[in-house]
């Protein structure tokens, strides 16, 4: 039976912390890794994160004139492509709760000439500051596992999504092959913190990232959570043997 202490605590990786402290701890992690975030993604995933994001963009079906929200948009990989797809008549919001990540993403996209149809908003996924029924497509890539109350965030996404709109969640998940799972665990716990120390100069933050992946709901659990939040036609597609999964849900 949960006691009162359990009700006031949540997981920060494998560590239980007071709920009110988690957001700041996650913020500290991303403040630390922001400047080397892209490089570390390339190194840790052997460049596969680019293919996972490309698949997400293809599945989004974003068309000219549409409104798109990329939550936890970080350094802007998805927002850049959505800006191109939505065109001059469309509108893209890159949102992130972390000021330093948002600033890094804005500077990166400005350097690439992405202007005109994109805005940058510091926002909490659990309390999105947008009107009801506003976006045609919402994406969150590798960000949901860092949210304290995931159900609150998904309900908030549902609220701001237009009827007929689509939500895409790209996130680390559970490998479906036992041998792959074993190899992935060894690599994650033995190598990723070391890479974080050597390249990111912060082993502790990458230890948290590894642990946060293990604490994230598996494919079927997340699918059921989306259904509970009233999304319909919910499905998921395993990528790289389930190391990553793309969940898709619609609002009708």
C-alpha atoms as a PDB file:
ATOM      1  CA  UNK A   1       0.000   0.000   0.000  1.00  0.00           C
ATOM      2  CA  UNK A   2       1.298   3.473  -0.910  1.00  0.00           C
ATOM      3  CA  UNK A   3       1.839   5.792   1.988  1.00  0.00           C
ATOM      4  CA  UNK A   4       1.596   9.570   1.969  1.00  0.00           C
ATOM      5  CA  UNK A   5       5.297   9.892   1.237  1.00  0.00           C
ATOM      6  CA  UNK A   6       4.911   7.774  -1.917  1.00  0.00           C
ATOM      7  CA  UNK A   7       2.062  10.010  -3.127  1.00  0.00           C
ATOM      8  CA  UNK A   8       4.316  13.044  -2.864  1.00  0.00           C
ATOM      9  CA  UNK A   9       7.254  11.429  -4.643  1.00  0.00           C
ATOM     10  CA  UNK A  10       8.134  10.563  -8.208  1.00  0.00           C
ATOM     11  CA  UNK A  11      11.079   9.003 -10.014  1.00  0.00           C
ATOM     12  CA  UNK A  12      14.082  10.943 -11.242  1.00  0.00           C
ATOM     13  CA  UNK A  13      15.691   8.055 -13.026  1.00  0.00           C
ATOM     14  CA  UNK A  14      15.822   5.290 -10.430  1.00  0.00           C
ATOM     15  CA  UNK A  15      15.866   7.749  -7.531  1.00  0.00           C
ATOM     16  CA  UNK A  16      12.675   8.797  -5.757  1.00  0.00           C
ATOM     17  CA  UNK A  17      12.460  12.549  -5.262  1.00  0.00           C
ATOM     18  CA  UNK A  18       9.720  14.939  -4.087  1.00  0.00           C
ATOM     19  CA  UNK A  19       7.378  15.728  -6.976  1.00  0.00           C
ATOM     20  CA  UNK A  20       8.026  19.441  -6.601  1.00  0.00           C
ATOM     21  CA  UNK A  21      11.769  18.881  -7.165  1.00  0.00           C
ATOM     22  CA  UNK A  22      11.670  16.796 -10.352  1.00  0.00           C
ATOM     23  CA  UNK A  23      11.113  19.611 -12.849  1.00  0.00           C
ATOM     24  CA  UNK A  24      14.104  21.525 -11.514  1.00  0.00           C
ATOM     25  CA  UNK A  25      16.304  18.439 -11.541  1.00  0.00           C
ATOM     26  CA  UNK A  26      15.375  17.718 -15.167  1.00  0.00           C
ATOM     27  CA  UNK A  27      15.998  21.379 -15.997  1.00  0.00           C
ATOM     28  CA  UNK A  28      19.476  21.124 -14.469  1.00  0.00           C
ATOM     29  CA  UNK A  29      20.225  18.092 -16.642  1.00  0.00           C
ATOM     30  CA  UNK A  30      19.297  19.857 -19.869  1.00  0.00           C
ATOM     31  CA  UNK A  31      21.007  23.089 -18.883  1.00  0.00           C
ATOM     32  CA  UNK A  32      24.133  20.989 -18.501  1.00  0.00           C
ATOM     33  CA  UNK A  33      23.887  19.092 -21.801  1.00  0.00           C
ATOM     34  CA  UNK A  34      22.357  21.752 -24.094  1.00  0.00           C
ATOM     35  CA  UNK A  35      25.550  22.890 -25.824  1.00  0.00           C
ATOM     36  CA  UNK A  36      26.613  19.329 -26.729  1.00  0.00           C
ATOM     37  CA  UNK A  37      23.142  17.832 -27.122  1.00  0.00           C
ATOM     38  CA  UNK A  38      23.284  17.297 -30.894  1.00  0.00           C
ATOM     39  CA  UNK A  39      26.782  15.845 -30.844  1.00  0.00           C
ATOM     40  CA  UNK A  40      25.898  13.436 -28.049  1.00  0.00           C
ATOM     41  CA  UNK A  41      22.735  12.314 -29.866  1.00  0.00           C
ATOM     42  CA  UNK A  42      24.786  11.462 -32.943  1.00  0.00           C
ATOM     43  CA  UNK A  43      27.407   9.595 -30.929  1.00  0.00           C
ATOM     44  CA  UNK A  44      25.041   7.716 -28.604  1.00  0.00           C
ATOM     45  CA  UNK A  45      22.649   6.578 -31.351  1.00  0.00           C
ATOM     46  CA  UNK A  46      25.296   6.116 -34.078  1.00  0.00           C
ATOM     47  CA  UNK A  47      23.304   8.684 -36.047  1.00  0.00           C
ATOM     48  CA  UNK A  48      20.092   6.633 -35.903  1.00  0.00           C
ATOM     49  CA  UNK A  49      18.169   9.435 -34.174  1.00  0.00           C
ATOM     50  CA  UNK A  50      18.147  11.250 -37.519  1.00  0.00           C
ATOM     51  CA  UNK A  51      16.396   8.312 -39.181  1.00  0.00           C
ATOM     52  CA  UNK A  52      13.898   8.000 -36.308  1.00  0.00           C
ATOM     53  CA  UNK A  53      13.046  11.695 -36.638  1.00  0.00           C
ATOM     54  CA  UNK A  54      12.813  11.438 -40.425  1.00  0.00           C
ATOM     55  CA  UNK A  55      10.281   8.620 -40.034  1.00  0.00           C
ATOM     56  CA  UNK A  56       8.293  10.768 -37.578  1.00  0.00           C
ATOM     57  CA  UNK A  57       8.215  13.675 -40.026  1.00  0.00           C
ATOM     58  CA  UNK A  58       7.017  11.375 -42.806  1.00  0.00           C
ATOM     59  CA  UNK A  59       4.271   9.966 -40.561  1.00  0.00           C
ATOM     60  CA  UNK A  60       3.125  13.453 -39.551  1.00  0.00           C
ATOM     61  CA  UNK A  61       1.658  14.170 -42.982  1.00  0.00           C
ATOM     62  CA  UNK A  62       2.062  17.905 -42.348  1.00  0.00           C
ATOM     63  CA  UNK A  63       0.773  19.954 -45.283  1.00  0.00           C
ATOM     64  CA  UNK A  64       1.057  23.605 -46.340  1.00  0.00           C
ATOM     65  CA  UNK A  65      -1.037  25.938 -44.211  1.00  0.00           C
ATOM     66  CA  UNK A  66      -1.224  23.709 -41.147  1.00  0.00           C
ATOM     67  CA  UNK A  67      -0.439  24.605 -37.516  1.00  0.00           C
ATOM     68  CA  UNK A  68       2.165  22.369 -35.875  1.00  0.00           C
ATOM     69  CA  UNK A  69       3.387  22.162 -32.271  1.00  0.00           C
ATOM     70  CA  UNK A  70       6.686  20.457 -31.463  1.00  0.00           C
ATOM     71  CA  UNK A  71       6.881  19.955 -27.691  1.00  0.00           C
ATOM     72  CA  UNK A  72      10.284  19.457 -26.022  1.00  0.00           C
ATOM     73  CA  UNK A  73      11.572  20.599 -29.391  1.00  0.00           C
ATOM     74  CA  UNK A  74      15.091  21.087 -28.110  1.00  0.00           C
ATOM     75  CA  UNK A  75      17.501  22.037 -30.867  1.00  0.00           C
ATOM     76  CA  UNK A  76      14.836  22.137 -33.559  1.00  0.00           C
ATOM     77  CA  UNK A  77      15.377  19.057 -35.749  1.00  0.00           C
ATOM     78  CA  UNK A  78      11.647  18.455 -36.216  1.00  0.00           C
ATOM     79  CA  UNK A  79      10.590  22.109 -36.189  1.00  0.00           C
ATOM     80  CA  UNK A  80      12.973  22.899 -39.050  1.00  0.00           C
ATOM     81  CA  UNK A  81      11.317  20.340 -41.307  1.00  0.00           C
ATOM     82  CA  UNK A  82       7.803  21.267 -40.175  1.00  0.00           C
ATOM     83  CA  UNK A  83       8.534  24.907 -41.037  1.00  0.00           C
ATOM     84  CA  UNK A  84       9.400  23.830 -44.575  1.00  0.00           C
ATOM     85  CA  UNK A  85       6.346  21.565 -44.907  1.00  0.00           C
ATOM     86  CA  UNK A  86       3.848  24.052 -43.435  1.00  0.00           C
ATOM     87  CA  UNK A  87       5.076  26.818 -45.717  1.00  0.00           C
ATOM     88  CA  UNK A  88       4.350  30.532 -45.591  1.00  0.00           C
ATOM     89  CA  UNK A  89       0.650  30.009 -44.856  1.00  0.00           C
ATOM     90  CA  UNK A  90       1.369  27.589 -42.016  1.00  0.00           C
ATOM     91  CA  UNK A  91       2.684  28.107 -38.511  1.00  0.00           C
ATOM     92  CA  UNK A  92       5.068  26.107 -36.307  1.00  0.00           C
ATOM     93  CA  UNK A  93       5.656  26.440 -32.568  1.00  0.00           C
ATOM     94  CA  UNK A  94       8.848  25.037 -31.091  1.00  0.00           C
ATOM     95  CA  UNK A  95       8.097  24.647 -27.382  1.00  0.00           C
ATOM     96  CA  UNK A  96      10.427  23.555 -24.611  1.00  0.00           C
ATOM     97  CA  UNK A  97      10.257  23.917 -20.851  1.00  0.00           C
ATOM     98  CA  UNK A  98      14.009  24.479 -20.665  1.00  0.00           C
ATOM     99  CA  UNK A  99      15.107  28.026 -21.452  1.00  0.00           C
ATOM    100  CA  UNK A 100      18.646  27.062 -22.437  1.00  0.00           C
ATOM    101  CA  UNK A 101      17.522  24.314 -24.835  1.00  0.00           C
ATOM    102  CA  UNK A 102      14.960  26.680 -26.371  1.00  0.00           C
ATOM    103  CA  UNK A 103      17.580  29.384 -26.849  1.00  0.00           C
ATOM    104  CA  UNK A 104      19.965  26.887 -28.410  1.00  0.00           C
ATOM    105  CA  UNK A 105      17.267  25.672 -30.806  1.00  0.00           C
ATOM    106  CA  UNK A 106      16.257  29.219 -31.773  1.00  0.00           C
ATOM    107  CA  UNK A 107      19.853  30.243 -32.506  1.00  0.00           C
ATOM    108  CA  UNK A 108      20.436  27.085 -34.509  1.00  0.00           C
ATOM    109  CA  UNK A 109      17.359  27.565 -36.704  1.00  0.00           C
ATOM    110  CA  UNK A 110      18.056  31.275 -37.206  1.00  0.00           C
ATOM    111  CA  UNK A 111      21.566  30.353 -38.359  1.00  0.00           C
ATOM    112  CA  UNK A 112      19.939  28.005 -40.885  1.00  0.00           C
ATOM    113  CA  UNK A 113      17.666  30.754 -42.177  1.00  0.00           C
ATOM    114  CA  UNK A 114      14.447  29.369 -40.655  1.00  0.00           C
ATOM    115  CA  UNK A 115      12.311  32.480 -40.092  1.00  0.00           C
ATOM    116  CA  UNK A 116       8.837  33.805 -40.737  1.00  0.00           C
ATOM    117  CA  UNK A 117       6.488  30.958 -39.855  1.00  0.00           C
ATOM    118  CA  UNK A 118       7.989  29.737 -36.590  1.00  0.00           C
ATOM    119  CA  UNK A 119       7.679  30.851 -32.970  1.00  0.00           C
ATOM    120  CA  UNK A 120       9.554  29.803 -29.835  1.00  0.00           C
ATOM    121  CA  UNK A 121       7.630  29.320 -26.596  1.00  0.00           C
ATOM    122  CA  UNK A 122       8.887  28.258 -23.182  1.00  0.00           C
ATOM    123  CA  UNK A 123       6.084  25.982 -22.029  1.00  0.00           C
ATOM    124  CA  UNK A 124       5.307  23.156 -19.635  1.00  0.00           C
ATOM    125  CA  UNK A 125       3.810  20.163 -21.482  1.00  0.00           C
ATOM    126  CA  UNK A 126       1.388  19.639 -18.598  1.00  0.00           C
ATOM    127  CA  UNK A 127      -0.078  23.150 -18.979  1.00  0.00           C
ATOM    128  CA  UNK A 128       0.239  24.152 -22.626  1.00  0.00           C
ATOM    129  CA  UNK A 129      -0.460  27.894 -23.039  1.00  0.00           C
ATOM    130  CA  UNK A 130      -2.396  27.574 -26.297  1.00  0.00           C
ATOM    131  CA  UNK A 131      -6.090  27.792 -27.225  1.00  0.00           C
ATOM    132  CA  UNK A 132      -8.315  24.739 -27.538  1.00  0.00           C
ATOM    133  CA  UNK A 133      -8.514  22.969 -30.903  1.00  0.00           C
ATOM    134  CA  UNK A 134      -5.630  24.929 -32.432  1.00  0.00           C
ATOM    135  CA  UNK A 135      -2.999  22.555 -33.860  1.00  0.00           C
ATOM    136  CA  UNK A 136      -3.300  20.131 -36.770  1.00  0.00           C
ATOM    137  CA  UNK A 137      -0.328  18.086 -35.576  1.00  0.00           C
ATOM    138  CA  UNK A 138       1.569  17.799 -32.288  1.00  0.00           C
ATOM    139  CA  UNK A 139       4.874  16.011 -31.838  1.00  0.00           C
ATOM    140  CA  UNK A 140       7.022  15.275 -28.814  1.00  0.00           C
ATOM    141  CA  UNK A 141      10.325  13.523 -29.475  1.00  0.00           C
ATOM    142  CA  UNK A 142      12.361  12.092 -26.603  1.00  0.00           C
ATOM    143  CA  UNK A 143      10.655  14.391 -24.118  1.00  0.00           C
ATOM    144  CA  UNK A 144       7.671  12.602 -22.627  1.00  0.00           C
ATOM    145  CA  UNK A 145       9.786  10.446 -20.321  1.00  0.00           C
ATOM    146  CA  UNK A 146      11.030  13.613 -18.578  1.00  0.00           C
ATOM    147  CA  UNK A 147       7.517  14.868 -17.804  1.00  0.00           C
ATOM    148  CA  UNK A 148       6.444  14.439 -14.172  1.00  0.00           C
ATOM    149  CA  UNK A 149       2.738  13.770 -14.832  1.00  0.00           C
ATOM    150  CA  UNK A 150       2.527  12.174 -18.259  1.00  0.00           C
ATOM    151  CA  UNK A 151      -1.248  11.804 -18.258  1.00  0.00           C
ATOM    152  CA  UNK A 152      -1.660  15.527 -17.541  1.00  0.00           C
ATOM    153  CA  UNK A 153       0.628  16.313 -20.454  1.00  0.00           C
ATOM    154  CA  UNK A 154      -1.244  14.051 -22.865  1.00  0.00           C
ATOM    155  CA  UNK A 155      -4.587  15.547 -21.807  1.00  0.00           C
ATOM    156  CA  UNK A 156      -3.128  19.004 -22.382  1.00  0.00           C
ATOM    157  CA  UNK A 157      -2.005  17.928 -25.849  1.00  0.00           C
ATOM    158  CA  UNK A 158      -5.466  16.543 -26.563  1.00  0.00           C
ATOM    159  CA  UNK A 159      -7.051  19.851 -25.578  1.00  0.00           C
ATOM    160  CA  UNK A 160      -4.997  21.997 -27.978  1.00  0.00           C
ATOM    161  CA  UNK A 161      -5.258  19.526 -30.871  1.00  0.00           C
ATOM    162  CA  UNK A 162      -7.903  20.186 -33.529  1.00  0.00           C
ATOM    163  CA  UNK A 163     -10.596  17.587 -34.200  1.00  0.00           C
ATOM    164  CA  UNK A 164      -9.050  15.388 -36.864  1.00  0.00           C
ATOM    165  CA  UNK A 165      -5.590  16.292 -35.588  1.00  0.00           C
ATOM    166  CA  UNK A 166      -2.755  13.901 -34.923  1.00  0.00           C
ATOM    167  CA  UNK A 167      -0.360  13.377 -31.998  1.00  0.00           C
ATOM    168  CA  UNK A 168       2.998  11.675 -32.531  1.00  0.00           C
ATOM    169  CA  UNK A 169       5.166  10.567 -29.599  1.00  0.00           C
ATOM    170  CA  UNK A 170       8.692   9.447 -30.482  1.00  0.00           C
ATOM    171  CA  UNK A 171      10.354   7.942 -27.444  1.00  0.00           C
ATOM    172  CA  UNK A 172      12.760   5.285 -26.250  1.00  0.00           C
ATOM    173  CA  UNK A 173      10.862   2.112 -25.436  1.00  0.00           C
ATOM    174  CA  UNK A 174      11.393  -1.599 -24.755  1.00  0.00           C
ATOM    175  CA  UNK A 175      13.391  -3.800 -27.161  1.00  0.00           C
ATOM    176  CA  UNK A 176      11.294  -6.718 -28.371  1.00  0.00           C
ATOM    177  CA  UNK A 177      14.142  -9.217 -28.868  1.00  0.00           C
ATOM    178  CA  UNK A 178      15.829 -10.657 -25.730  1.00  0.00           C
ATOM    179  CA  UNK A 179      19.339 -10.631 -27.223  1.00  0.00           C
ATOM    180  CA  UNK A 180      18.933  -7.042 -28.402  1.00  0.00           C
ATOM    181  CA  UNK A 181      17.614  -6.041 -24.980  1.00  0.00           C
ATOM    182  CA  UNK A 182      20.653  -7.553 -23.281  1.00  0.00           C
ATOM    183  CA  UNK A 183      23.106  -5.848 -25.646  1.00  0.00           C
ATOM    184  CA  UNK A 184      21.232  -2.556 -25.320  1.00  0.00           C
ATOM    185  CA  UNK A 185      21.334  -2.697 -21.512  1.00  0.00           C
ATOM    186  CA  UNK A 186      25.061  -3.353 -21.529  1.00  0.00           C
ATOM    187  CA  UNK A 187      25.713  -0.491 -23.930  1.00  0.00           C
ATOM    188  CA  UNK A 188      23.391   1.889 -22.075  1.00  0.00           C
ATOM    189  CA  UNK A 189      24.731   1.390 -18.577  1.00  0.00           C
ATOM    190  CA  UNK A 190      28.391   0.784 -19.409  1.00  0.00           C
ATOM    191  CA  UNK A 191      29.034   3.123 -22.324  1.00  0.00           C
ATOM    192  CA  UNK A 192      26.560   6.024 -22.374  1.00  0.00           C
ATOM    193  CA  UNK A 193      27.616   7.544 -19.004  1.00  0.00           C
ATOM    194  CA  UNK A 194      31.252   7.188 -20.147  1.00  0.00           C
ATOM    195  CA  UNK A 195      30.440   8.963 -23.413  1.00  0.00           C
ATOM    196  CA  UNK A 196      28.662  11.618 -21.379  1.00  0.00           C
ATOM    197  CA  UNK A 197      31.802  12.071 -19.309  1.00  0.00           C
ATOM    198  CA  UNK A 198      34.178  12.162 -22.288  1.00  0.00           C
ATOM    199  CA  UNK A 199      32.135  14.255 -24.710  1.00  0.00           C
ATOM    200  CA  UNK A 200      29.419  15.948 -22.676  1.00  0.00           C
ATOM    201  CA  UNK A 201      31.632  16.384 -19.599  1.00  0.00           C
ATOM    202  CA  UNK A 202      28.713  15.257 -17.455  1.00  0.00           C
ATOM    203  CA  UNK A 203      28.431  11.544 -16.660  1.00  0.00           C
ATOM    204  CA  UNK A 204      25.677  12.044 -14.059  1.00  0.00           C
ATOM    205  CA  UNK A 205      23.220  13.642 -16.495  1.00  0.00           C
ATOM    206  CA  UNK A 206      23.623  10.783 -18.948  1.00  0.00           C
ATOM    207  CA  UNK A 207      23.243   8.243 -16.163  1.00  0.00           C
ATOM    208  CA  UNK A 208      19.890   9.896 -15.446  1.00  0.00           C
ATOM    209  CA  UNK A 209      18.928   9.749 -19.131  1.00  0.00           C
ATOM    210  CA  UNK A 210      19.658   6.016 -19.236  1.00  0.00           C
ATOM    211  CA  UNK A 211      17.615   5.415 -16.082  1.00  0.00           C
ATOM    212  CA  UNK A 212      14.737   7.608 -17.286  1.00  0.00           C
ATOM    213  CA  UNK A 213      14.432   5.436 -20.399  1.00  0.00           C
ATOM    214  CA  UNK A 214      14.051   2.324 -18.237  1.00  0.00           C
ATOM    215  CA  UNK A 215      11.346   3.984 -16.135  1.00  0.00           C
ATOM    216  CA  UNK A 216       9.300   5.056 -19.171  1.00  0.00           C
ATOM    217  CA  UNK A 217       6.136   3.039 -19.963  1.00  0.00           C
ATOM    218  CA  UNK A 218       6.521   0.258 -22.518  1.00  0.00           C
ATOM    219  CA  UNK A 219       4.738   0.286 -25.870  1.00  0.00           C
ATOM    220  CA  UNK A 220       1.431  -1.247 -24.801  1.00  0.00           C
ATOM    221  CA  UNK A 221       1.255   0.734 -21.558  1.00  0.00           C
ATOM    222  CA  UNK A 222       1.757   4.034 -23.357  1.00  0.00           C
ATOM    223  CA  UNK A 223      -0.830   3.040 -25.960  1.00  0.00           C
ATOM    224  CA  UNK A 224      -3.373   2.409 -23.204  1.00  0.00           C
ATOM    225  CA  UNK A 225      -2.510   5.721 -21.537  1.00  0.00           C
ATOM    226  CA  UNK A 226      -3.255   7.525 -24.802  1.00  0.00           C
ATOM    227  CA  UNK A 227      -6.583   5.731 -25.097  1.00  0.00           C
ATOM    228  CA  UNK A 228      -7.418   6.744 -21.531  1.00  0.00           C
ATOM    229  CA  UNK A 229      -6.734  10.365 -22.541  1.00  0.00           C
ATOM    230  CA  UNK A 230      -9.433   9.982 -25.249  1.00  0.00           C
ATOM    231  CA  UNK A 231      -7.127   9.627 -28.255  1.00  0.00           C
ATOM    232  CA  UNK A 232      -8.491   7.267 -30.893  1.00  0.00           C
ATOM    233  CA  UNK A 233      -7.010   4.942 -33.523  1.00  0.00           C
ATOM    234  CA  UNK A 234      -3.924   4.691 -31.315  1.00  0.00           C
ATOM    235  CA  UNK A 235      -1.067   2.627 -32.733  1.00  0.00           C
ATOM    236  CA  UNK A 236       2.681   2.330 -32.423  1.00  0.00           C
ATOM    237  CA  UNK A 237       5.540   1.410 -34.709  1.00  0.00           C
ATOM    238  CA  UNK A 238       8.705  -0.134 -33.287  1.00  0.00           C
ATOM    239  CA  UNK A 239      11.976   1.257 -34.617  1.00  0.00           C
ATOM    240  CA  UNK A 240      15.348  -0.465 -34.301  1.00  0.00           C
ATOM    241  CA  UNK A 241      13.783  -3.509 -32.675  1.00  0.00           C
ATOM    242  CA  UNK A 242      11.748  -1.512 -30.178  1.00  0.00           C
ATOM    243  CA  UNK A 243      14.630   0.510 -28.774  1.00  0.00           C
ATOM    244  CA  UNK A 244      12.497   3.409 -29.962  1.00  0.00           C
ATOM    245  CA  UNK A 245       8.759   3.469 -30.696  1.00  0.00           C
ATOM    246  CA  UNK A 246       6.589   5.996 -32.497  1.00  0.00           C
ATOM    247  CA  UNK A 247       3.085   6.215 -31.017  1.00  0.00           C
ATOM    248  CA  UNK A 248       0.305   7.816 -33.021  1.00  0.00           C
ATOM    249  CA  UNK A 249      -3.131   8.941 -31.872  1.00  0.00           C
ATOM    250  CA  UNK A 250      -5.961  11.063 -33.269  1.00  0.00           C
ATOM    251  CA  UNK A 251      -8.560  13.436 -31.868  1.00  0.00           C
ATOM    252  CA  UNK A 252     -11.974  13.091 -33.508  1.00  0.00           C
END
